[in-house]
PDB file of N, CA and C in Angstrom:
ATOM      1  N   MET A   1    -182.005 -90.458  15.975  1.00  0.00           N
ATOM      2  CA  MET A   1    -181.228 -90.673  17.678  1.00  0.00           C
ATOM      3  C   MET A   1    -179.517 -90.851  17.337  1.00  0.00           C
ATOM      4  N   PRO A   2    -179.053 -90.086  17.880  1.00  0.00           N
ATOM      5  CA  PRO A   2    -177.918 -90.835  18.385  1.00  0.00           C
ATOM      6  C   PRO A   2    -177.785 -91.846  19.049  1.00  0.00           C
ATOM      7  N   SER A   3    -176.803 -92.578  18.694  1.00  0.00           N
ATOM      8  CA  SER A   3    -176.023 -93.951  19.225  1.00  0.00           C
ATOM      9  C   SER A   3    -175.634 -93.588  20.546  1.00  0.00           C
ATOM     10  N   LYS A   4    -175.693 -94.282  21.551  1.00  0.00           N
ATOM     11  CA  LYS A   4    -174.944 -94.241  22.858  1.00  0.00           C
ATOM     12  C   LYS A   4    -174.002 -95.665  22.634  1.00  0.00           C
ATOM     13  N   SER A   5    -172.548 -95.075  23.188  1.00  0.00           N
ATOM     14  CA  SER A   5    -171.268 -96.096  23.406  1.00  0.00           C
ATOM     15  C   SER A   5    -171.485 -96.941  24.673  1.00  0.00           C
ATOM     16  N   SER A   6    -171.312 -97.672  24.538  1.00  0.00           N
ATOM     17  CA  SER A   6    -171.256 -98.369  25.271  1.00  0.00           C
ATOM     18  C   SER A   6    -169.838 -98.217  26.376  1.00  0.00           C
ATOM     19  N   PRO A   7    -169.894 -97.912  27.488  1.00  0.00           N
ATOM     20  CA  PRO A   7    -168.752 -97.814  28.527  1.00  0.00           C
ATOM     21  C   PRO A   7    -168.188 -99.291  28.319  1.00  0.00           C
ATOM     22  N   LEU A   8    -168.382 -99.923  27.762  1.00  0.00           N
ATOM     23  CA  LEU A   8    -167.619-101.515  27.785  1.00  0.00           C
ATOM     24  C   LEU A   8    -167.487-101.355  26.429  1.00  0.00           C
ATOM     25  N   ALA A   9    -167.345-100.968  25.251  1.00  0.00           N
ATOM     26  CA  ALA A   9    -166.871-100.907  24.366  1.00  0.00           C
ATOM     27  C   ALA A   9    -165.478-101.116  23.658  1.00  0.00           C
ATOM     28  N   MET A  10    -165.188-101.904  23.219  1.00  0.00           N
ATOM     29  CA  MET A  10    -163.545-102.159  22.958  1.00  0.00           C
ATOM     30  C   MET A  10    -162.973-100.816  21.684  1.00  0.00           C
ATOM     31  N   PRO A  11    -162.035-100.313  22.699  1.00  0.00           N
ATOM     32  CA  PRO A  11    -161.428 -99.422  21.943  1.00  0.00           C
ATOM     33  C   PRO A  11    -161.030 -99.064  20.145  1.00  0.00           C
ATOM     34  N   ALA A  12    -161.230 -98.527  19.396  1.00  0.00           N
ATOM     35  CA  ALA A  12    -160.600 -98.497  18.143  1.00  0.00           C
ATOM     36  C   ALA A  12    -158.849 -99.467  18.244  1.00  0.00           C
ATOM     37  N   GLU A  13    -158.158 -99.036  18.421  1.00  0.00           N
ATOM     38  CA  GLU A  13    -156.665 -99.157  18.680  1.00  0.00           C
ATOM     39  C   GLU A  13    -156.482-100.586  19.718  1.00  0.00           C
ATOM     40  N   HIS A  14    -155.704-101.546  18.463  1.00  0.00           N
ATOM     41  CA  HIS A  14    -155.085-102.769  19.793  1.00  0.00           C
ATOM     42  C   HIS A  14    -155.217-102.118  20.825  1.00  0.00           C
ATOM     43  N   LEU A  15    -154.977-103.141  21.509  1.00  0.00           N
ATOM     44  CA  LEU A  15    -154.447-103.245  23.334  1.00  0.00           C
ATOM     45  C   LEU A  15    -152.930-102.916  22.899  1.00  0.00           C
ATOM     46  N   TRP A  16    -152.551-102.271  24.038  1.00  0.00           N
ATOM     47  CA  TRP A  16    -151.105-102.336  24.192  1.00  0.00           C
ATOM     48  C   TRP A  16    -150.796-103.536  24.927  1.00  0.00           C
ATOM     49  N   THR A  17    -149.156-104.247  24.919  1.00  0.00           N
ATOM     50  CA  THR A  17    -148.367-104.491  26.236  1.00  0.00           C
ATOM     51  C   THR A  17    -147.734-104.161  26.591  1.00  0.00           C
ATOM     52  N   VAL A  18    -146.980-104.511  27.511  1.00  0.00           N
ATOM     53  CA  VAL A  18    -146.245-104.162  28.803  1.00  0.00           C
ATOM     54  C   VAL A  18    -145.244-103.288  28.047  1.00  0.00           C
ATOM     55  N   LYS A  19    -144.833-104.033  26.801  1.00  0.00           N
ATOM     56  CA  LYS A  19    -143.350-103.856  25.847  1.00  0.00           C
ATOM     57  C   LYS A  19    -144.077-102.578  24.830  1.00  0.00           C
ATOM     58  N   ASP A  20    -145.244-102.647  24.308  1.00  0.00           N
ATOM     59  CA  ASP A  20    -145.801-101.268  23.597  1.00  0.00           C
ATOM     60  C   ASP A  20    -145.178-100.290  25.097  1.00  0.00           C
ATOM     61  N   ALA A  21    -146.631-100.117  26.152  1.00  0.00           N
ATOM     62  CA  ALA A  21    -146.178 -98.871  27.052  1.00  0.00           C
ATOM     63  C   ALA A  21    -144.888 -98.743  27.225  1.00  0.00           C
ATOM     64  N   ALA A  22    -144.133 -99.481  27.432  1.00  0.00           N
ATOM     65  CA  ALA A  22    -142.740 -99.210  27.731  1.00  0.00           C
ATOM     66  C   ALA A  22    -142.251 -98.367  26.822  1.00  0.00           C
ATOM     67  N   ALA A  23    -142.597 -98.649  25.792  1.00  0.00           N
ATOM     68  CA  ALA A  23    -141.878 -97.845  24.695  1.00  0.00           C
ATOM     69  C   ALA A  23    -142.417 -96.580  24.283  1.00  0.00           C
ATOM     70  N   PHE A  24    -143.643 -96.391  24.489  1.00  0.00           N
ATOM     71  CA  PHE A  24    -144.323 -95.103  23.917  1.00  0.00           C
ATOM     72  C   PHE A  24    -143.978 -94.491  25.691  1.00  0.00           C
ATOM     73  N   LEU A  25    -143.539 -94.913  26.819  1.00  0.00           N
ATOM     74  CA  LEU A  25    -143.913 -93.709  27.876  1.00  0.00           C
ATOM     75  C   LEU A  25    -141.852 -93.792  28.473  1.00  0.00           C
ATOM     76  N   ARG A  26    -141.156 -95.104  27.141  1.00  0.00           N
ATOM     77  CA  ARG A  26    -139.827 -94.345  26.858  1.00  0.00           C
ATOM     78  C   ARG A  26    -139.102 -94.942  28.804  1.00  0.00           C
ATOM     79  N   LEU A  27    -140.007 -95.949  29.051  1.00  0.00           N
ATOM     80  CA  LEU A  27    -139.464 -96.578  30.295  1.00  0.00           C
ATOM     81  C   LEU A  27    -139.239 -98.125  30.174  1.00  0.00           C
ATOM     82  N   GLY A  28    -138.494 -98.578  31.045  1.00  0.00           N
ATOM     83  CA  GLY A  28    -138.146-100.431  30.856  1.00  0.00           C
ATOM     84  C   GLY A  28    -139.211-101.020  31.522  1.00  0.00           C
ATOM     85  N   ARG A  29    -139.338-102.139  30.754  1.00  0.00           N
ATOM     86  CA  ARG A  29    -140.338-103.048  30.671  1.00  0.00           C
ATOM     87  C   ARG A  29    -140.793-103.319  32.412  1.00  0.00           C
ATOM     88  N   ASN A  30    -139.475-103.622  33.275  1.00  0.00           N
ATOM     89  CA  ASN A  30    -139.857-104.106  34.616  1.00  0.00           C
ATOM     90  C   ASN A  30    -140.712-102.792  35.662  1.00  0.00           C
ATOM     91  N   ALA A  31    -140.095-100.955  34.930  1.00  0.00           N
ATOM     92  CA  ALA A  31    -140.839-100.287  35.480  1.00  0.00           C
ATOM     93  C   ALA A  31    -142.315-100.470  35.477  1.00  0.00           C
ATOM     94  N   VAL A  32    -142.877-100.445  34.406  1.00  0.00           N
ATOM     95  CA  VAL A  32    -144.348-100.845  33.564  1.00  0.00           C
ATOM     96  C   VAL A  32    -144.732-101.450  34.327  1.00  0.00           C
ATOM     97  N   TYR A  33    -144.436-102.720  34.638  1.00  0.00           N
ATOM     98  CA  TYR A  33    -144.986-103.519  35.397  1.00  0.00           C
ATOM     99  C   TYR A  33    -145.496-103.405  37.097  1.00  0.00           C
ATOM    100  N   GLU A  34    -144.259-102.754  37.443  1.00  0.00           N
ATOM    101  CA  GLU A  34    -144.162-102.117  39.029  1.00  0.00           C
ATOM    102  C   GLU A  34    -145.262-101.164  38.882  1.00  0.00           C
ATOM    103  N   MET A  35    -145.345-100.288  37.921  1.00  0.00           N
ATOM    104  CA  MET A  35    -146.222 -99.100  38.181  1.00  0.00           C
ATOM    105  C   MET A  35    -147.887 -99.508  38.053  1.00  0.00           C
ATOM    106  N   ALA A  36    -148.145-101.025  37.047  1.00  0.00           N
ATOM    107  CA  ALA A  36    -148.933-101.115  36.915  1.00  0.00           C
ATOM    108  C   ALA A  36    -149.804-102.208  37.898  1.00  0.00           C
ATOM    109  N   LYS A  37    -148.679-102.929  38.913  1.00  0.00           N
ATOM    110  CA  LYS A  37    -149.177-103.559  39.943  1.00  0.00           C
ATOM    111  C   LYS A  37    -149.485-102.511  40.959  1.00  0.00           C
ATOM    112  N   ARG A  38    -149.029-101.377  41.179  1.00  0.00           N
ATOM    113  CA  ARG A  38    -149.225-100.692  42.317  1.00  0.00           C
ATOM    114  C   ARG A  38    -150.383 -99.381  41.680  1.00  0.00           C
ATOM    115  N   ASP A  39    -150.898-100.091  40.608  1.00  0.00           N
ATOM    116  CA  ASP A  39    -152.136 -99.056  39.713  1.00  0.00           C
ATOM    117  C   ASP A  39    -152.146 -97.638  39.789  1.00  0.00           C
ATOM    118  N   GLU A  40    -151.005 -97.345  39.035  1.00  0.00           N
ATOM    119  CA  GLU A  40    -149.998 -95.843  39.159  1.00  0.00           C
ATOM    120  C   GLU A  40    -150.454 -95.614  37.672  1.00  0.00           C
ATOM    121  N   ILE A  41    -150.314 -96.442  36.897  1.00  0.00           N
ATOM    122  CA  ILE A  41    -150.970 -96.197  35.441  1.00  0.00           C
ATOM    123  C   ILE A  41    -151.988 -97.012  35.064  1.00  0.00           C
ATOM    124  N   PRO A  42    -153.513 -96.455  34.434  1.00  0.00           N
ATOM    125  CA  PRO A  42    -154.445 -97.276  34.266  1.00  0.00           C
ATOM    126  C   PRO A  42    -153.797 -98.271  32.608  1.00  0.00           C
ATOM    127  N   ASN A  43    -154.853 -99.435  33.422  1.00  0.00           N
ATOM    128  CA  ASN A  43    -154.292-100.885  33.090  1.00  0.00           C
ATOM    129  C   ASN A  43    -155.280-101.462  33.188  1.00  0.00           C
ATOM    130  N   LEU A  44    -155.162-102.687  32.285  1.00  0.00           N
ATOM    131  CA  LEU A  44    -156.252-104.048  32.187  1.00  0.00           C
ATOM    132  C   LEU A  44    -155.592-105.128  32.731  1.00  0.00           C
ATOM    133  N   ARG A  45    -156.412-106.457  33.311  1.00  0.00           N
ATOM    134  CA  ARG A  45    -155.782-107.310  33.716  1.00  0.00           C
ATOM    135  C   ARG A  45    -156.725-108.711  32.866  1.00  0.00           C
ATOM    136  N   ILE A  46    -156.151-109.539  31.933  1.00  0.00           N
ATOM    137  CA  ILE A  46    -156.791-110.258  31.359  1.00  0.00           C
ATOM    138  C   ILE A  46    -155.918-111.661  31.754  1.00  0.00           C
ATOM    139  N   GLY A  47    -157.105-111.907  32.652  1.00  0.00           N
ATOM    140  CA  GLY A  47    -156.354-113.681  33.195  1.00  0.00           C
ATOM    141  C   GLY A  47    -154.452-112.707  33.863  1.00  0.00           C
ATOM    142  N   SER A  48    -153.731-113.308  33.386  1.00  0.00           N
ATOM    143  CA  SER A  48    -152.138-113.633  34.085  1.00  0.00           C
ATOM    144  C   SER A  48    -151.630-112.193  33.135  1.00  0.00           C
ATOM    145  N   ARG A  49    -152.184-111.769  32.191  1.00  0.00           N
ATOM    146  CA  ARG A  49    -151.885-110.810  31.141  1.00  0.00           C
ATOM    147  C   ARG A  49    -152.097-109.161  31.743  1.00  0.00           C
ATOM    148  N   ILE A  50    -150.985-108.258  31.673  1.00  0.00           N
ATOM    149  CA  ILE A  50    -151.493-107.050  31.649  1.00  0.00           C
ATOM    150  C   ILE A  50    -151.586-105.964  30.414  1.00  0.00           C
ATOM    151  N   ARG A  51    -152.946-105.353  29.863  1.00  0.00           N
ATOM    152  CA  ARG A  51    -152.602-104.971  28.525  1.00  0.00           C
ATOM    153  C   ARG A  51    -153.444-103.173  28.815  1.00  0.00           C
ATOM    154  N   PHE A  52    -152.865-102.492  28.329  1.00  0.00           N
ATOM    155  CA  PHE A  52    -153.162-100.928  28.375  1.00  0.00           C
ATOM    156  C   PHE A  52    -154.454-100.406  26.683  1.00  0.00           C
ATOM    157  N   ILE A  53    -155.556 -99.471  27.218  1.00  0.00           N
ATOM    158  CA  ILE A  53    -155.871 -99.109  25.967  1.00  0.00           C
ATOM    159  C   ILE A  53    -154.909 -97.370  25.641  1.00  0.00           C
ATOM    160  N   PRO A  54    -154.709 -97.911  24.471  1.00  0.00           N
ATOM    161  CA  PRO A  54    -153.639 -96.385  23.886  1.00  0.00           C
ATOM    162  C   PRO A  54    -154.190 -94.913  24.287  1.00  0.00           C
ATOM    163  N   GLY A  55    -155.139 -94.916  24.992  1.00  0.00           N
ATOM    164  CA  GLY A  55    -155.765 -93.427  24.728  1.00  0.00           C
ATOM    165  C   GLY A  55    -156.279 -92.971  25.842  1.00  0.00           C
ATOM    166  N   GLU A  56    -156.026 -93.847  26.963  1.00  0.00           N
ATOM    167  CA  GLU A  56    -156.446 -94.000  28.534  1.00  0.00           C
ATOM    168  C   GLU A  56    -154.253 -93.709  28.385  1.00  0.00           C
ATOM    169  N   VAL A  57    -153.741 -94.249  28.389  1.00  0.00           N
ATOM    170  CA  VAL A  57    -152.265 -94.361  28.720  1.00  0.00           C
ATOM    171  C   VAL A  57    -151.560 -93.092  28.445  1.00  0.00           C
ATOM    172  N   ARG A  58    -152.273 -92.387  26.980  1.00  0.00           N
ATOM    173  CA  ARG A  58    -151.637 -91.096  26.681  1.00  0.00           C
ATOM    174  C   ARG A  58    -151.852 -90.439  27.672  1.00  0.00           C
ATOM    175  N   ALA A  59    -153.577 -90.173  27.871  1.00  0.00           N
ATOM    176  CA  ALA A  59    -154.399 -89.266  28.826  1.00  0.00           C
ATOM    177  C   ALA A  59    -153.131 -89.108  29.999  1.00  0.00           C
ATOM    178  N   TRP A  60    -153.384 -90.405  30.847  1.00  0.00           N
ATOM    179  CA  TRP A  60    -152.460 -90.457  32.098  1.00  0.00           C
ATOM    180  C   TRP A  60    -150.944 -89.985  31.650  1.00  0.00           C
ATOM    181  N   ALA A  61    -150.696 -89.997  30.721  1.00  0.00           N
ATOM    182  CA  ALA A  61    -148.889 -89.101  30.791  1.00  0.00           C
ATOM    183  C   ALA A  61    -149.419 -87.577  30.767  1.00  0.00           C
ATOM    184  N   GLU A  62    -150.246 -87.333  29.653  1.00  0.00           N
ATOM    185  CA  GLU A  62    -150.788 -85.621  29.733  1.00  0.00           C
ATOM    186  C   GLU A  62    -150.710 -85.159  30.932  1.00  0.00           C
ATOM    187  N   LYS A  63    -151.875 -85.943  31.925  1.00  0.00           N
ATOM    188  CA  LYS A  63    -151.827 -85.450  32.689  1.00  0.00           C
ATOM    189  C   LYS A  63    -150.789 -85.402  34.462  1.00  0.00           C
ATOM    190  N   GLN A  64    -149.844 -86.660  33.850  1.00  0.00           N
ATOM    191  CA  GLN A  64    -148.472 -86.772  34.516  1.00  0.00           C
ATOM    192  C   GLN A  64    -147.531 -85.428  34.299  1.00  0.00           C
ATOM    193  N   ARG A  65    -147.570 -85.093  32.804  1.00  0.00           N
ATOM    194  CA  ARG A  65    -146.628 -83.535  32.084  1.00  0.00           C
ATOM    195  C   ARG A  65    -147.205 -82.589  32.650  1.00  0.00           C
ATOM    196  N   ALA A  66    -148.817 -82.488  32.762  1.00  0.00           N
ATOM    197  CA  ALA A  66    -149.329 -81.120  33.389  1.00  0.00           C
ATOM    198  C   ALA A  66    -148.787 -81.321  34.393  1.00  0.00           C
ATOM    199  N   VAL A  67    -149.087 -82.136  35.570  1.00  0.00           N
ATOM    200  CA  VAL A  67    -149.060 -81.897  37.146  1.00  0.00           C
ATOM    201  C   VAL A  67    -146.825 -81.422  37.139  1.00  0.00           C
ATOM    202  N   ALA A  68    -146.680 -82.314  36.778  1.00  0.00           N
ATOM    203  CA  ALA A  68    -145.421 -81.728  36.768  1.00  0.00           C
ATOM    204  C   ALA A  68    -144.878 -80.362  35.836  1.00  0.00           C
ATOM    205  N   VAL A  69    -145.101 -80.121  34.930  1.00  0.00           N
ATOM    206  CA  VAL A  69    -145.324 -78.432  35.078  1.00  0.00           C
ATOM    207  C   VAL A  69    -145.535 -77.200  36.062  1.00  0.00           C
TER     208      VAL A  69
END
C-alpha cells in the first residue's frame, strides 16, 4: 500500500531565508521583505521570522515567467 505524504510534511531542502530567496530571485532583501509582507510570494512565518520553501518559490517564479511571456 503506497504511503500518503502529509500536507504538513517538511520539504527535503532546508528552508530559505530572505537572503537566500533574494539571491535566487536576484532582488534586494527589502524587495523580498515587501513581497512577503504583501503575500505576493509564498512564505512561512515562524514567529517573527520569514522563511521560504524552495520548491514553492521556484514554482512561483516559473509561473511569473510564464505570465510575462
